[in-house]
Amino acid sequence: MRGATHARWAACAVAAALAATACGGGDGGTGGDADAVLSASWGDPQNPLEPANTNEVQGGKVLDMIFRGLKRYDPETGAAEDMLAERIETSDSQNYTITVKDGWTFSNGEKVTARSFVDAWNYGASLRSNQRNAYFFSYIDGYDEVHPEDGGKQSAATLAGLKVTGERTFTVRLSQRFSGFPDTLGYNAFAPLPPAFFDDHEAWVSNPVGNGPYLVQSYVKGSRMSLRKWDAYPGPDKALNGGVDLKVYTDNNTAYTDLMAGNLDLVDDVPAAQLRNVRGDLGDRYLNTPAGIIQTLAFPFYDRNWNKPGMEKVRTGLSMAINRAQITDTIFARTRTPATDWTSPVLGEDGGYRDGLCGEACAYRPDRAKKLIEEGGGLPGGQLKITYNADTGSHKQWVDAVCNSVNNALGDDRACVGNPVGTFADFRNRITHRKMSGPFRAGWQMDYPLIQNFLQPLYYTNASSNDGKWSSDEFDELVDRANEETDPARAAALFQQAEEVVRDNMAAIPLWYQNGSAGWSDRLSDVRLNPFSVPVYDQIKVG
């Protein structure tokens, strides 16, 4: 990202949006066994658990358990609050002095200092490190030298805008004014790293060492990751249980079956096939809450077939061919809401969400859809193949339903078909290596509660999560102007103008906003999902 907008007002909007809904499940009335371990469903992460190299949900869950950063997003309201930050000071919203709290260590005993952050950020930004989240450091001065956009030779080893000034203090100089900078620092990419990470990187990757309430005890890929409470954790959010065994499932229906059989304690993605039965099965041990998640269909703009003149009509026609209301009702039992923009209602109107911004392009109009697709030159190759991972998220059901809707609109029962990939990791690897030849599933879970986070990482030229490689100078310019803006209302309006560019080009098809869901065994109490739809593992009681 080139910058970020103003997290304070956005976080407040999220807090207000969530205030009317329960973020947690019921308390079973027990204090719990502080040493008891719970088991939860999970999927193998795409990459090793380096904070700057993890930008997907499964790896993010673990980072949230083993790391704490300068800020932390309140698990109930989403507001950014100080964690390791004692003070973050600025007089011009471009030059910041950060003081790290005293008394924090990593779980191996090494002290958390200002250098822990500066070294981690320099590593994350460096082209040599090849980190997926490098883009999040791009608004710090000197990024172009450590990570040239053209892939050329790196001309500096460290960011010019970072400087350690004391054991617990460092300064940050940004390339532009950015008053909301402090409130983005709860994102995992900005986590500190211990000297051990740099001294023996291979050993650290095999057994990650962080500064959060849990330790990684063991990990067997394809089977489970075992985390245990760190008794010496210095933070205020100490784990109320003895640990979490994250069990790998390639089918969330199997996870649900294990939950019902007493072989699993927590499922945080109730499969679509069980949504109509879950209340009867679990009663008050089921949770369904709003979350900052949107599901879209992305396109490979690096494939000329999807980026030639007229294809915006085809993409818009496909959007009109999808009966979102019917799919969210029949497949998801109304635990999804048809999307009418590219952000999330949890932001609220003050945070930049605008209901209906997509307009007619997101309305179900099959006759108009067919006409637009024909005007745009028809489906590339004569058939639409939607690629998705088959191991989690009930994706087969909704992809099949989307294809049925498209086929009905076009009067051809082979116009659209699903193209499953076995695992999430393989699916992400294909995306990363630009192996997609047609539309693919692109769910987005917010990194932090800002409208900027729903737009810039996904659609800005060469952004970290711009998997389809769409590019628009007009969009980029509007985002840059929004990031410079100090007035919240004007910033939101500029982001909405940028979003209109996404709409007019149908850079991605918005499908539906997704709630977070969870079901749990009678061993657990105080189960909650944060606004990112991730279980607040450290506050779950067992027994």
Protein backbone atom coordinates (compact mmCIF):
# COMPACT_ATOMS: atom_id res chain seq x y z
CA MET A 1 0.00 0.00 0.00
CA ARG A 2 1.11 3.54 -0.69
CA GLY A 3 -0.41 4.71 2.57
CA ALA A 4 -3.48 4.18 4.67
CA THR A 5 -6.47 6.16 5.70
CA HIS A 6 -7.56 7.18 9.12
CA ALA A 7 -8.01 4.19 11.36
CA ARG A 8 -9.36 6.04 14.37
CA TRP A 9 -12.65 7.03 12.79
CA ALA A 10 -12.93 3.74 10.90
CA ALA A 11 -12.38 1.67 14.04
CA CYS A 12 -15.02 3.71 15.84
CA ALA A 13 -17.44 2.98 13.01
CA VAL A 14 -16.75 -0.73 13.38
CA ALA A 15 -17.28 -0.52 17.12
CA ALA A 16 -20.63 1.14 16.58
CA ALA A 17 -21.66 -1.37 13.93
CA LEU A 18 -20.85 -4.29 16.19
CA ALA A 19 -22.29 -2.85 19.37
CA ALA A 20 -25.76 -4.01 18.45
CA THR A 21 -24.67 -7.61 17.88
CA ALA A 22 -23.23 -10.13 20.27
CA CYS A 23 -19.56 -10.90 19.58
CA GLY A 24 -19.47 -13.87 21.89
CA GLY A 25 -21.15 -17.10 22.79
CA GLY A 26 -22.64 -18.00 26.12
CA ASP A 27 -20.69 -18.65 29.28
CA GLY A 28 -21.24 -22.12 30.57
CA GLY A 29 -20.98 -20.79 34.11
CA THR A 30 -17.62 -22.40 34.79
CA GLY A 31 -14.30 -20.86 35.63
CA GLY A 32 -12.65 -23.49 33.46
CA ASP A 33 -9.49 -25.52 33.89
CA ALA A 34 -6.55 -23.20 33.22
CA ASP A 35 -4.39 -26.14 32.11
CA ALA A 36 -6.94 -27.93 29.91
CA VAL A 37 -6.31 -28.03 26.13
CA LEU A 38 -9.01 -27.56 23.50
CA SER A 39 -9.03 -28.83 19.93
CA ALA A 40 -10.12 -26.73 16.95
CA SER A 41 -10.46 -27.17 13.19
CA TRP A 42 -7.77 -25.63 11.00
CA GLY A 43 -6.09 -25.76 7.60
CA ASP A 44 -2.39 -25.81 6.74
CA PRO A 45 -1.08 -22.29 6.06
CA GLN A 46 0.32 -21.48 2.64
CA ASN A 47 3.72 -20.31 3.89
CA PRO A 48 5.97 -20.64 6.96
CA LEU A 49 4.74 -18.49 9.84
CA GLU A 50 6.86 -15.40 9.23
CA PRO A 51 4.67 -12.38 10.10
CA ALA A 52 5.54 -10.51 6.90
CA ASN A 53 4.96 -13.58 4.75
CA THR A 54 1.49 -14.58 5.98
CA ASN A 55 -1.50 -12.99 4.30
CA GLU A 56 -4.10 -15.76 4.56
CA VAL A 57 -6.51 -16.76 7.30
CA GLN A 58 -5.11 -20.06 8.54
CA GLY A 59 -1.61 -18.77 9.11
CA GLY A 60 -3.03 -15.54 10.50
CA LYS A 61 -4.87 -17.45 13.22
CA VAL A 62 -1.57 -18.78 14.55
CA LEU A 63 0.22 -15.43 14.32
CA ASP A 64 -2.59 -13.90 16.40
CA MET A 65 -1.82 -16.46 19.10
CA ILE A 66 1.97 -16.30 19.19
CA PHE A 67 2.63 -12.59 18.52
CA ARG A 68 1.70 -9.22 19.97
CA GLY A 69 2.50 -5.94 18.22
CA LEU A 70 2.45 -2.25 19.02
CA LYS A 71 -1.34 -2.20 18.67
CA ARG A 72 -4.03 -4.84 19.07
CA TYR A 73 -7.57 -4.72 17.70
CA ASP A 74 -10.14 -5.09 20.43
CA PRO A 75 -11.68 -8.57 20.01
CA GLU A 76 -15.17 -7.20 20.53
CA THR A 77 -15.22 -3.74 18.93
CA GLY A 78 -12.31 -3.88 16.49
CA ALA A 79 -10.88 -0.60 17.86
CA ALA A 80 -7.08 -0.29 17.72
CA GLU A 81 -5.62 -0.16 21.23
CA ASP A 82 -2.06 0.10 22.55
CA MET A 83 -0.38 -3.23 23.30
CA LEU A 84 3.42 -2.91 23.20
CA ALA A 85 3.23 0.77 22.32
CA GLU A 86 3.77 3.02 25.33
CA ARG A 87 3.60 6.14 23.20
CA ILE A 88 3.31 6.98 19.49
CA GLU A 89 3.96 10.69 18.96
CA THR A 90 3.89 13.00 15.96
CA SER A 91 3.55 16.68 15.22
CA ASP A 92 3.02 16.44 11.48
CA SER A 93 1.47 12.98 10.78
CA GLN A 94 4.56 12.09 8.77
CA ASN A 95 7.34 11.76 11.34
CA TYR A 96 6.63 9.49 14.31
CA THR A 97 8.48 8.65 17.51
CA ILE A 98 7.51 5.29 18.99
CA THR A 99 8.27 4.16 22.53
CA VAL A 100 8.02 0.44 23.28
CA LYS A 101 6.76 -0.67 26.70
CA ASP A 102 9.32 -2.06 29.10
CA GLY A 103 9.12 -5.59 30.53
CA TRP A 104 8.24 -7.49 27.37
CA THR A 105 10.26 -10.49 26.21
CA PHE A 106 9.98 -13.18 23.59
CA SER A 107 9.22 -16.69 24.80
CA ASN A 108 12.92 -17.64 24.50
CA GLY A 109 13.83 -14.91 27.00
CA GLU A 110 15.17 -12.37 24.50
CA LYS A 111 14.01 -8.85 25.24
CA VAL A 112 11.55 -7.00 23.01
CA THR A 113 13.19 -3.69 22.12
CA ALA A 114 12.87 -0.98 19.52
CA ARG A 115 15.32 -2.94 17.36
CA SER A 116 12.95 -5.94 17.46
CA PHE A 117 10.50 -3.87 15.42
CA VAL A 118 12.98 -2.03 13.18
CA ASP A 119 14.83 -5.22 12.21
CA ALA A 120 11.54 -7.04 11.56
CA TRP A 121 10.18 -4.24 9.38
CA ASN A 122 13.41 -3.95 7.41
CA TYR A 123 13.36 -7.70 6.83
CA GLY A 124 9.71 -7.62 5.77
CA ALA A 125 10.28 -4.76 3.31
CA SER A 126 13.44 -6.13 1.70
CA LEU A 127 13.19 -7.55 -1.80
CA ARG A 128 15.75 -10.19 -0.83
CA SER A 129 13.43 -11.54 1.88
CA ASN A 130 10.68 -12.21 -0.68
CA GLN A 131 7.86 -11.57 1.81
CA ARG A 132 4.23 -11.55 0.66
CA ASN A 133 3.42 -8.57 2.92
CA ALA A 134 6.33 -6.37 1.85
CA TYR A 135 3.85 -3.96 0.32
CA PHE A 136 2.55 -3.01 3.77
CA PHE A 137 5.86 -1.20 4.42
CA SER A 138 5.76 0.78 1.19
CA TYR A 139 4.65 4.04 2.79
CA ILE A 140 7.84 4.15 4.91
CA ASP A 141 10.51 6.37 3.35
CA GLY A 142 13.10 4.42 1.38
CA TYR A 143 10.86 1.53 0.33
CA ASP A 144 11.66 2.04 -3.35
CA GLU A 145 15.36 1.45 -2.61
CA VAL A 146 14.87 -1.76 -0.61
CA HIS A 147 12.07 -3.11 -2.81
CA PRO A 148 12.14 -1.61 -6.33
CA GLU A 149 8.81 -2.09 -8.08
CA ASP A 150 10.41 -2.97 -11.39
CA GLY A 151 12.15 -5.99 -9.86
CA GLY A 152 15.54 -4.35 -10.32
CA LYS A 153 18.49 -4.62 -7.98
CA GLN A 154 17.93 -3.60 -4.38
CA SER A 155 20.05 -0.48 -3.75
CA ALA A 156 19.69 -0.24 0.05
CA ALA A 157 19.67 -2.84 2.81
CA THR A 158 17.34 -0.98 5.17
CA LEU A 159 14.50 1.53 5.05
CA ALA A 160 15.80 5.12 5.24
CA GLY A 161 12.72 6.07 7.23
CA LEU A 162 13.46 3.78 10.20
CA LYS A 163 15.97 4.68 12.92
CA VAL A 164 16.60 3.18 16.36
CA THR A 165 17.14 6.05 18.82
CA GLY A 166 17.21 4.14 22.10
CA GLU A 167 16.63 0.72 23.57
CA ARG A 168 12.87 1.33 23.61
CA THR A 169 12.49 4.15 21.08
CA PHE A 170 12.61 4.42 17.30
CA THR A 171 11.51 6.91 14.70
CA VAL A 172 9.51 6.37 11.52
CA ARG A 173 9.55 8.79 8.61
CA LEU A 174 6.80 8.23 6.06
CA SER A 175 6.88 9.20 2.40
CA GLN A 176 3.63 11.12 2.84
CA ARG A 177 1.45 12.50 5.62
CA PHE A 178 -0.64 9.77 7.22
CA SER A 179 -2.48 10.53 10.46
CA GLY A 180 -3.89 7.02 10.88
CA PHE A 181 -0.54 5.25 10.70
CA PRO A 182 -0.46 4.20 14.38
CA ASP A 183 -3.74 2.35 14.17
CA THR A 184 -2.59 0.05 11.35
CA LEU A 185 0.19 -1.33 13.55
CA GLY A 186 -1.94 -4.13 14.96
CA TYR A 187 -1.62 -5.99 11.67
CA ASN A 188 0.62 -9.07 11.96
CA ALA A 189 3.08 -7.87 9.31
CA PHE A 190 4.27 -5.27 11.84
CA ALA A 191 4.99 -7.80 14.63
CA PRO A 192 8.44 -7.74 16.28
CA LEU A 193 11.00 -10.49 15.72
CA PRO A 194 13.66 -11.81 18.13
CA PRO A 195 17.40 -11.98 17.36
CA ALA A 196 16.97 -15.75 17.06
CA PHE A 197 14.97 -15.19 13.86
CA PHE A 198 18.03 -13.67 12.19
CA ASP A 199 20.71 -15.77 13.91
CA ASP A 200 19.31 -19.11 12.74
CA HIS A 201 16.40 -18.48 10.41
CA GLU A 202 15.90 -22.10 9.43
CA ALA A 203 15.65 -23.19 13.07
CA TRP A 204 13.21 -20.37 13.82
CA VAL A 205 10.95 -21.30 10.91
CA SER A 206 10.81 -24.91 12.11
CA ASN A 207 9.89 -23.74 15.62
CA PRO A 208 8.58 -20.14 15.60
CA VAL A 209 9.35 -18.00 18.66
CA GLY A 210 7.04 -15.08 19.38
CA ASN A 211 5.92 -12.85 22.24
CA GLY A 212 2.23 -13.78 22.45
CA PRO A 213 0.24 -15.81 24.99
CA TYR A 214 0.95 -19.17 23.27
CA LEU A 215 4.03 -21.17 22.27
CA VAL A 216 4.28 -23.48 19.27
CA GLN A 217 4.92 -26.91 20.77
CA SER A 218 4.87 -28.94 17.55
CA TYR A 219 3.61 -28.95 13.98
CA VAL A 220 3.05 -31.87 11.65
CA LYS A 221 1.98 -30.59 8.23
CA GLY A 222 -1.31 -32.09 7.15
CA SER A 223 -2.12 -33.22 10.69
CA ARG A 224 -1.99 -30.67 13.51
CA MET A 225 -0.26 -27.78 15.20
CA SER A 226 -0.11 -27.88 18.99
CA LEU A 227 0.12 -24.59 20.87
CA ARG A 228 0.52 -24.30 24.64
CA LYS A 229 0.00 -21.46 27.08
CA TRP A 230 3.13 -19.43 27.82
CA ASP A 231 3.07 -19.07 31.58
CA ALA A 232 5.52 -16.15 31.59
CA TYR A 233 3.55 -14.10 29.04
CA PRO A 234 3.70 -10.47 30.28
CA GLY A 235 0.57 -9.15 28.55
CA PRO A 236 -2.87 -8.42 30.02
CA ASP A 237 -4.62 -11.00 27.83
CA LYS A 238 -3.15 -14.18 29.31
CA ALA A 239 -4.58 -17.46 28.03
CA LEU A 240 -7.41 -18.82 30.17
CA ASN A 241 -6.79 -22.37 28.91
CA GLY A 242 -3.76 -24.63 28.69
CA GLY A 243 -3.46 -24.54 24.93
CA VAL A 244 -5.00 -25.27 21.56
CA ASP A 245 -4.52 -28.24 19.24
CA LEU A 246 -5.26 -27.03 15.72
CA LYS A 247 -6.33 -30.11 13.74
CA VAL A 248 -6.03 -30.02 9.96
CA TYR A 249 -9.19 -30.83 7.99
CA THR A 250 -9.52 -30.90 4.22
CA ASP A 251 -13.32 -30.98 4.49
CA ASN A 252 -15.22 -28.85 7.01
CA ASN A 253 -18.10 -31.34 6.93
CA THR A 254 -15.72 -33.89 8.45
CA ALA A 255 -14.78 -31.34 11.11
CA TYR A 256 -18.44 -30.81 11.94
CA THR A 257 -18.99 -34.58 12.15
CA ASP A 258 -16.06 -34.84 14.57
CA LEU A 259 -17.53 -32.05 16.66
CA MET A 260 -20.85 -33.86 16.92
CA ALA A 261 -19.04 -37.13 17.77
CA GLY A 262 -17.07 -35.52 20.59
CA ASN A 263 -13.74 -35.74 18.78
CA LEU A 264 -13.34 -31.97 18.30
CA ASP A 265 -14.11 -28.98 20.52
CA LEU A 266 -14.40 -26.07 18.10
CA VAL A 267 -15.36 -25.53 14.47
CA ASP A 268 -15.04 -21.93 13.29
CA ASP A 269 -16.50 -22.45 9.82
CA VAL A 270 -19.83 -24.26 10.03
CA PRO A 271 -20.33 -25.97 6.63
CA ALA A 272 -23.18 -24.81 4.46
CA ALA A 273 -24.73 -28.29 4.47
CA GLN A 274 -25.24 -28.04 8.25
CA LEU A 275 -26.51 -24.48 8.58
CA ARG A 276 -30.19 -25.46 8.63
CA ASN A 277 -29.54 -28.07 11.32
CA VAL A 278 -26.93 -26.38 13.47
CA ARG A 279 -29.34 -24.75 15.94
CA GLY A 280 -31.00 -28.07 16.58
CA ASP A 281 -27.66 -29.81 16.88
CA LEU A 282 -25.88 -27.33 19.11
CA GLY A 283 -28.47 -24.97 20.60
CA ASP A 284 -26.69 -22.05 22.26
CA ARG A 285 -23.30 -23.56 21.41
CA TYR A 286 -23.53 -21.97 17.97
CA LEU A 287 -22.48 -18.44 17.04
CA ASN A 288 -23.26 -16.40 13.93
CA THR A 289 -22.00 -12.80 13.94
CA PRO A 290 -21.18 -10.03 11.43
CA ALA A 291 -17.57 -9.96 10.26
CA GLY A 292 -15.37 -7.91 7.97
CA ILE A 293 -15.39 -10.50 5.17
CA ILE A 294 -16.47 -10.29 1.54
CA GLN A 295 -16.48 -13.05 -1.07
CA THR A 296 -15.69 -12.08 -4.67
CA LEU A 297 -14.75 -13.60 -8.00
CA ALA A 298 -11.38 -12.30 -9.19
CA PHE A 299 -10.07 -12.39 -12.76
CA PRO A 300 -6.57 -13.04 -14.16
CA PHE A 301 -5.88 -9.74 -15.88
CA TYR A 302 -2.45 -11.07 -16.83
CA ASP A 303 -4.37 -13.32 -19.26
CA ARG A 304 -5.19 -11.24 -22.33
CA ASN A 305 -8.45 -13.13 -22.82
CA TRP A 306 -9.79 -11.39 -19.69
CA ASN A 307 -8.15 -8.02 -20.30
CA LYS A 308 -8.91 -7.18 -23.90
CA PRO A 309 -11.29 -4.38 -24.95
CA GLY A 310 -14.93 -5.16 -24.26
CA MET A 311 -14.27 -7.67 -21.49
CA GLU A 312 -15.59 -5.27 -18.86
CA LYS A 313 -19.00 -5.92 -20.42
CA VAL A 314 -18.51 -9.67 -20.09
CA ARG A 315 -17.47 -9.34 -16.45
CA THR A 316 -20.40 -7.05 -15.70
CA GLY A 317 -22.76 -9.40 -17.50
CA LEU A 318 -21.53 -12.31 -15.40
CA SER A 319 -22.19 -10.27 -12.27
CA MET A 320 -25.77 -9.66 -13.42
CA ALA A 321 -26.21 -13.37 -14.15
CA ILE A 322 -25.67 -14.34 -10.49
CA ASN A 323 -28.77 -14.63 -8.32
CA ARG A 324 -27.12 -13.63 -5.03
CA ALA A 325 -30.32 -13.54 -3.00
CA GLN A 326 -31.30 -17.08 -3.95
CA ILE A 327 -27.81 -18.46 -3.29
CA THR A 328 -27.39 -16.81 0.11
CA ASP A 329 -30.83 -18.06 1.12
CA THR A 330 -30.69 -21.65 -0.14
CA ILE A 331 -26.99 -22.45 0.24
CA PHE A 332 -26.08 -20.34 3.26
CA ALA A 333 -29.40 -20.10 5.13
CA ARG A 334 -29.02 -16.30 5.19
CA THR A 335 -25.68 -16.37 7.01
CA ARG A 336 -24.42 -14.38 4.01
CA THR A 337 -25.82 -11.12 2.64
CA PRO A 338 -25.79 -10.23 -1.07
CA ALA A 339 -23.00 -7.72 -1.65
CA THR A 340 -23.84 -4.32 -3.07
CA ASP A 341 -20.32 -2.91 -2.89
CA TRP A 342 -16.70 -4.10 -2.48
CA THR A 343 -16.24 -3.39 1.26
CA SER A 344 -18.25 -4.54 4.30
CA PRO A 345 -21.25 -3.25 6.26
CA VAL A 346 -19.26 -3.61 9.50
CA LEU A 347 -17.43 -0.42 8.53
CA GLY A 348 -20.67 1.55 8.76
CA GLU A 349 -21.52 4.54 6.61
CA ASP A 350 -19.12 6.78 8.55
CA GLY A 351 -16.35 4.30 7.79
CA GLY A 352 -16.97 4.43 4.03
CA TYR A 353 -19.41 1.58 3.39
CA ARG A 354 -22.04 2.62 0.84
CA ASP A 355 -24.97 0.30 0.37
CA GLY A 356 -25.88 -0.02 -3.30
CA LEU A 357 -22.70 1.47 -4.73
CA CYS A 358 -22.48 -1.44 -7.19
CA GLY A 359 -25.93 -0.48 -8.50
CA GLU A 360 -27.41 -2.33 -11.46
CA ALA A 361 -24.18 -4.27 -11.98
CA CYS A 362 -24.93 -6.34 -8.87
CA ALA A 363 -28.63 -6.78 -9.57
CA TYR A 364 -29.91 -10.11 -10.90
CA ARG A 365 -30.88 -9.32 -14.49
CA PRO A 366 -30.39 -12.46 -16.60
CA ASP A 367 -31.68 -11.00 -19.88
CA ARG A 368 -29.39 -7.98 -19.61
CA ALA A 369 -26.54 -10.27 -18.52
CA LYS A 370 -26.73 -12.38 -21.66
CA LYS A 371 -26.83 -9.32 -23.89
CA LEU A 372 -23.77 -7.74 -22.25
CA ILE A 373 -21.75 -10.95 -22.48
CA GLU A 374 -22.58 -11.22 -26.18
CA GLU A 375 -21.71 -7.55 -26.77
CA GLY A 376 -18.36 -8.08 -25.04
CA GLY A 377 -17.42 -10.95 -27.35
CA GLY A 378 -18.66 -13.89 -25.31
CA LEU A 379 -16.94 -16.12 -22.77
CA PRO A 380 -13.22 -16.62 -23.47
CA GLY A 381 -12.79 -20.11 -24.84
CA GLY A 382 -16.57 -20.54 -24.84
CA GLN A 383 -16.75 -21.72 -21.23
CA LEU A 384 -16.37 -20.18 -17.78
CA LYS A 385 -14.33 -22.23 -15.29
CA ILE A 386 -14.44 -20.97 -11.70
CA THR A 387 -11.44 -22.21 -9.70
CA TYR A 388 -11.76 -22.76 -5.95
CA ASN A 389 -10.18 -24.77 -3.12
CA ALA A 390 -12.25 -27.80 -2.23
CA ASP A 391 -11.03 -28.39 1.33
CA THR A 392 -12.71 -25.60 3.32
CA GLY A 393 -15.55 -23.11 3.19
CA SER A 394 -18.30 -25.11 1.42
CA HIS A 395 -17.05 -23.60 -1.83
CA LYS A 396 -18.23 -26.40 -4.11
CA GLN A 397 -21.86 -25.77 -3.19
CA TRP A 398 -21.85 -22.08 -3.91
CA VAL A 399 -19.64 -22.31 -7.00
CA ASP A 400 -22.04 -24.89 -8.44
CA ALA A 401 -24.94 -22.59 -7.58
CA VAL A 402 -23.24 -19.61 -9.23
CA CYS A 403 -22.62 -21.69 -12.34
CA ASN A 404 -26.24 -22.86 -12.40
CA SER A 405 -27.34 -19.24 -12.24
CA VAL A 406 -24.99 -18.24 -15.07
CA ASN A 407 -26.03 -21.24 -17.17
CA ASN A 408 -29.71 -20.39 -16.74
CA ALA A 409 -29.07 -16.81 -17.80
CA LEU A 410 -27.16 -17.90 -20.89
CA GLY A 411 -29.42 -20.83 -21.75
CA ASP A 412 -26.48 -23.23 -21.82
CA ASP A 413 -25.96 -25.81 -19.08
CA ARG A 414 -22.22 -26.12 -19.90
CA ALA A 415 -21.42 -22.42 -20.08
CA CYS A 416 -20.04 -22.42 -16.53
CA VAL A 417 -18.41 -25.19 -14.52
CA GLY A 418 -16.52 -25.42 -11.24
CA ASN A 419 -12.79 -26.17 -11.24
CA PRO A 420 -11.79 -27.54 -7.80
CA VAL A 421 -8.25 -27.55 -6.40
CA GLY A 422 -7.65 -30.04 -3.59
CA THR A 423 -6.19 -27.84 -0.85
CA PHE A 424 -6.11 -24.18 0.09
CA ALA A 425 -2.29 -24.16 0.03
CA ASP A 426 -2.21 -25.53 -3.54
CA PHE A 427 -4.93 -23.11 -4.57
CA ARG A 428 -2.99 -20.14 -3.19
CA ASN A 429 0.23 -21.33 -4.82
CA ARG A 430 -1.47 -21.41 -8.22
CA ILE A 431 -2.69 -17.86 -7.68
CA THR A 432 0.72 -16.66 -6.49
CA HIS A 433 2.41 -18.13 -9.56
CA ARG A 434 -0.20 -16.66 -11.95
CA LYS A 435 -1.53 -20.02 -13.09
CA MET A 436 -5.18 -18.95 -13.35
CA SER A 437 -6.84 -18.84 -16.76
CA GLY A 438 -10.31 -17.85 -15.60
CA PRO A 439 -12.17 -16.41 -12.59
CA PHE A 440 -11.30 -17.71 -9.15
CA ARG A 441 -12.59 -17.48 -5.60
CA ALA A 442 -11.20 -14.45 -3.77
CA GLY A 443 -12.50 -14.18 -0.23
CA TRP A 444 -11.15 -11.19 1.68
CA GLN A 445 -10.97 -10.95 5.45
CA MET A 446 -10.00 -7.47 6.58
CA ASP A 447 -6.52 -6.99 8.05
CA TYR A 448 -7.68 -3.94 9.96
CA PRO A 449 -11.04 -2.15 10.03
CA LEU A 450 -10.51 0.49 7.32
CA ILE A 451 -12.20 1.04 3.96
CA GLN A 452 -8.67 1.41 2.58
CA ASN A 453 -7.97 -2.21 3.50
CA PHE A 454 -10.84 -3.46 1.33
CA LEU A 455 -9.62 -1.52 -1.71
CA GLN A 456 -5.92 -0.74 -1.86
CA PRO A 457 -4.37 -4.17 -1.10
CA LEU A 458 -6.71 -5.79 -3.63
CA TYR A 459 -6.88 -3.34 -6.53
CA TYR A 460 -3.94 -0.92 -6.36
CA THR A 461 -1.28 -1.57 -9.00
CA ASN A 462 1.11 -4.28 -7.77
CA ALA A 463 -0.51 -4.34 -4.34
CA SER A 464 0.22 -7.27 -2.03
CA SER A 465 -3.10 -9.05 -2.53
CA ASN A 466 -3.89 -7.87 -6.05
CA ASP A 467 -3.93 -11.48 -7.21
CA GLY A 468 -5.52 -10.74 -10.56
CA LYS A 469 -3.00 -7.94 -11.34
CA TRP A 470 -5.67 -5.44 -12.30
CA SER A 471 -4.31 -1.93 -12.76
CA SER A 472 -5.89 1.50 -13.15
CA ASP A 473 -4.08 4.84 -13.00
CA GLU A 474 -7.38 6.55 -12.12
CA PHE A 475 -7.99 4.20 -9.18
CA ASP A 476 -4.40 4.58 -7.94
CA GLU A 477 -4.57 8.37 -8.08
CA LEU A 478 -7.83 8.50 -6.11
CA VAL A 479 -6.42 6.16 -3.45
CA ASP A 480 -3.28 8.27 -3.15
CA ARG A 481 -5.40 11.39 -2.67
CA ALA A 482 -7.57 9.63 -0.07
CA ASN A 483 -4.47 8.53 1.84
CA GLU A 484 -3.21 12.13 1.94
CA GLU A 485 -6.54 13.48 3.17
CA THR A 486 -6.81 14.44 6.85
CA ASP A 487 -10.57 15.05 6.89
CA PRO A 488 -12.37 11.73 7.47
CA ALA A 489 -15.44 12.58 5.39
CA ARG A 490 -13.40 13.72 2.41
CA ALA A 491 -11.14 10.67 2.67
CA ALA A 492 -14.15 8.34 2.65
CA ALA A 493 -15.63 10.13 -0.35
CA LEU A 494 -12.38 9.73 -2.30
CA PHE A 495 -12.20 6.04 -1.47
CA GLN A 496 -15.78 5.65 -2.68
CA GLN A 497 -14.84 7.37 -5.95
CA ALA A 498 -12.00 4.87 -6.30
CA GLU A 499 -14.48 2.08 -5.62
CA GLU A 500 -16.64 3.39 -8.46
CA VAL A 501 -13.68 2.85 -10.80
CA VAL A 502 -13.56 -0.78 -9.62
CA ARG A 503 -17.29 -1.01 -10.34
CA ASP A 504 -17.12 0.56 -13.79
CA ASN A 505 -14.39 -1.89 -14.83
CA MET A 506 -15.82 -4.82 -12.79
CA ALA A 507 -12.29 -5.52 -11.56
CA ALA A 508 -13.84 -8.26 -9.42
CA ILE A 509 -17.41 -9.48 -8.97
CA PRO A 510 -18.70 -8.91 -5.42
CA LEU A 511 -20.81 -11.86 -4.28
CA TRP A 512 -21.78 -11.60 -0.60
CA TYR A 513 -20.76 -10.37 2.81
CA GLN A 514 -19.95 -13.22 5.13
CA ASN A 515 -20.76 -13.68 8.80
CA GLY A 516 -18.40 -15.45 11.15
CA SER A 517 -19.73 -18.75 12.48
CA ALA A 518 -18.63 -21.22 15.13
CA GLY A 519 -19.90 -24.32 16.88
CA TRP A 520 -18.37 -25.88 19.96
CA SER A 521 -18.56 -28.78 22.39
CA ASP A 522 -20.02 -28.66 25.88
CA ARG A 523 -16.46 -28.63 27.26
CA LEU A 524 -16.09 -24.99 26.22
CA SER A 525 -17.50 -21.69 27.39
CA ASP A 526 -16.88 -18.01 26.61
CA VAL A 527 -16.41 -18.73 22.92
CA ARG A 528 -16.17 -15.50 20.92
CA LEU A 529 -15.34 -14.44 17.39
CA ASN A 530 -13.58 -11.15 16.82
CA PRO A 531 -14.65 -8.76 14.01
CA PHE A 532 -12.25 -10.64 11.72
CA SER A 533 -14.25 -13.88 12.36
CA VAL A 534 -11.30 -15.50 14.20
CA PRO A 535 -11.95 -17.24 17.53
CA VAL A 536 -10.55 -15.39 20.53
CA TYR A 537 -8.69 -18.53 21.56
CA ASP A 538 -6.98 -17.11 24.63
CA GLN A 539 -10.29 -16.25 26.32
CA ILE A 540 -11.97 -19.65 25.79
CA LYS A 541 -12.52 -21.64 28.97
CA VAL A 542 -12.32 -25.44 29.03
CA GLY A 543 -14.05 -27.75 31.51
